[in-house]
Amino acid sequence: MSIRNLSRRQVIILTVVDKLNECHICNERTGLGIWLVGGYICSSCLEEISNTEVQDPKYDYFIFKLKELWLTG
């Protein structure tokens, strides 16, 4: 993952890496994703989180897992 500061905004760029990382959300091992507050989130989960409506039962699960990252990071 690369992070660059551009005009006071953080831009997160997904990159493919040689090492597979375990996703904090789905526990799958993948090489495409981001590190967020000390935990890795795969691109599939990022997309699912982004497309989940607040009313969806999965929303609460995602909030729980992201809060875990925040508290342990």
C-alpha atoms as a PDB file:
ATOM      1  CA  MET A   1       0.000   0.000   0.000  1.00  0.00           C
ATOM      2  CA  SER A   2       1.151   3.485  -0.776  1.00  0.00           C
ATOM      3  CA  ILE A   3      -0.102   6.603   0.955  1.00  0.00           C
ATOM      4  CA  ARG A   4       0.618  10.016  -0.485  1.00  0.00           C
ATOM      5  CA  ASN A   5      -0.441  13.387   0.881  1.00  0.00           C
ATOM      6  CA  LEU A   6      -1.852  15.569  -1.852  1.00  0.00           C
ATOM      7  CA  SER A   7      -3.334  18.956  -0.994  1.00  0.00           C
ATOM      8  CA  ARG A   8      -3.941  17.943   2.638  1.00  0.00           C
ATOM      9  CA  ARG A   9      -5.882  14.830   1.606  1.00  0.00           C
ATOM     10  CA  GLN A  10      -4.723  11.285   2.116  1.00  0.00           C
ATOM     11  CA  VAL A  11      -4.930   9.144  -0.962  1.00  0.00           C
ATOM     12  CA  ILE A  12      -4.883   5.396  -0.461  1.00  0.00           C
ATOM     13  CA  ILE A  13      -3.683   3.394  -3.407  1.00  0.00           C
ATOM     14  CA  LEU A  14      -4.321  -0.344  -3.569  1.00  0.00           C
ATOM     15  CA  THR A  15      -1.315  -2.271  -4.770  1.00  0.00           C
ATOM     16  CA  VAL A  16      -0.590  -5.925  -5.361  1.00  0.00           C
ATOM     17  CA  VAL A  17       2.124  -7.226  -3.040  1.00  0.00           C
ATOM     18  CA  ASP A  18       4.193 -10.398  -2.987  1.00  0.00           C
ATOM     19  CA  LYS A  19       3.127 -11.236   0.558  1.00  0.00           C
ATOM     20  CA  LEU A  20      -0.437 -12.365   1.233  1.00  0.00           C
ATOM     21  CA  ASN A  21      -2.095 -10.639   4.178  1.00  0.00           C
ATOM     22  CA  GLU A  22      -5.046 -11.860   6.233  1.00  0.00           C
ATOM     23  CA  CYS A  23      -8.109  -9.631   6.019  1.00  0.00           C
ATOM     24  CA  HIS A  24      -9.436  -8.468   9.400  1.00  0.00           C
ATOM     25  CA  ILE A  25     -13.022  -8.651   8.098  1.00  0.00           C
ATOM     26  CA  CYS A  26     -13.254 -11.972   6.191  1.00  0.00           C
ATOM     27  CA  ASN A  27      -9.989 -13.691   7.296  1.00  0.00           C
ATOM     28  CA  GLU A  28      -9.096 -14.509   3.677  1.00  0.00           C
ATOM     29  CA  ARG A  29      -5.469 -14.160   2.594  1.00  0.00           C
ATOM     30  CA  THR A  30      -4.954 -11.781  -0.310  1.00  0.00           C
ATOM     31  CA  GLY A  31      -2.371  -9.491  -1.824  1.00  0.00           C
ATOM     32  CA  LEU A  32      -4.710  -6.644  -2.767  1.00  0.00           C
ATOM     33  CA  GLY A  33      -6.051  -4.366  -0.047  1.00  0.00           C
ATOM     34  CA  ILE A  34      -5.115  -1.646   2.426  1.00  0.00           C
ATOM     35  CA  TRP A  35      -3.655  -1.353   5.907  1.00  0.00           C
ATOM     36  CA  LEU A  36      -5.955   0.659   8.128  1.00  0.00           C
ATOM     37  CA  VAL A  37      -5.033   1.502  11.740  1.00  0.00           C
ATOM     38  CA  GLY A  38      -2.756  -1.530  11.969  1.00  0.00           C
ATOM     39  CA  GLY A  39      -5.121  -4.029  10.348  1.00  0.00           C
ATOM     40  CA  TYR A  40      -5.434  -5.253   6.783  1.00  0.00           C
ATOM     41  CA  ILE A  41      -8.691  -5.066   4.797  1.00  0.00           C
ATOM     42  CA  CYS A  42      -8.890  -6.810   1.422  1.00  0.00           C
ATOM     43  CA  SER A  43     -10.257  -5.089  -1.673  1.00  0.00           C
ATOM     44  CA  SER A  44     -13.347  -7.335  -1.735  1.00  0.00           C
ATOM     45  CA  CYS A  45     -14.325  -6.312   1.794  1.00  0.00           C
ATOM     46  CA  LEU A  46     -13.591  -2.653   1.037  1.00  0.00           C
ATOM     47  CA  GLU A  47     -15.972  -2.818  -1.898  1.00  0.00           C
ATOM     48  CA  GLU A  48     -18.630  -4.629   0.129  1.00  0.00           C
ATOM     49  CA  ILE A  49     -18.319  -2.137   3.008  1.00  0.00           C
ATOM     50  CA  SER A  50     -18.636   0.758   0.561  1.00  0.00           C
ATOM     51  CA  ASN A  51     -21.778  -0.684  -1.020  1.00  0.00           C
ATOM     52  CA  THR A  52     -23.563  -1.780   2.175  1.00  0.00           C
ATOM     53  CA  GLU A  53     -26.625   0.219   3.169  1.00  0.00           C
ATOM     54  CA  VAL A  54     -27.060   1.250   6.817  1.00  0.00           C
ATOM     55  CA  GLN A  55     -30.210  -0.890   7.055  1.00  0.00           C
ATOM     56  CA  ASP A  56     -28.373  -4.039   5.934  1.00  0.00           C
ATOM     57  CA  PRO A  57     -27.655  -6.488   8.805  1.00  0.00           C
ATOM     58  CA  LYS A  58     -24.021  -6.728   7.598  1.00  0.00           C
ATOM     59  CA  TYR A  59     -23.548  -3.022   8.361  1.00  0.00           C
ATOM     60  CA  ASP A  60     -23.407  -3.639  12.128  1.00  0.00           C
ATOM     61  CA  TYR A  61     -20.852  -6.422  11.615  1.00  0.00           C
ATOM     62  CA  PHE A  62     -18.625  -4.120   9.556  1.00  0.00           C
ATOM     63  CA  ILE A  63     -18.882  -1.398  12.204  1.00  0.00           C
ATOM     64  CA  PHE A  64     -17.930  -3.942  14.890  1.00  0.00           C
ATOM     65  CA  LYS A  65     -14.867  -5.145  12.931  1.00  0.00           C
ATOM     66  CA  LEU A  66     -13.727  -1.596  12.100  1.00  0.00           C
ATOM     67  CA  LYS A  67     -14.121  -0.614  15.748  1.00  0.00           C
ATOM     68  CA  GLU A  68     -11.906  -3.593  16.684  1.00  0.00           C
ATOM     69  CA  LEU A  69      -9.201  -2.214  14.401  1.00  0.00           C
ATOM     70  CA  TRP A  70      -9.559   1.252  15.880  1.00  0.00           C
ATOM     71  CA  LEU A  71      -9.332   0.022  19.472  1.00  0.00           C
ATOM     72  CA  THR A  72      -6.345  -2.282  18.883  1.00  0.00           C
ATOM     73  CA  GLY A  73      -4.481   0.048  16.499  1.00  0.00           C
END
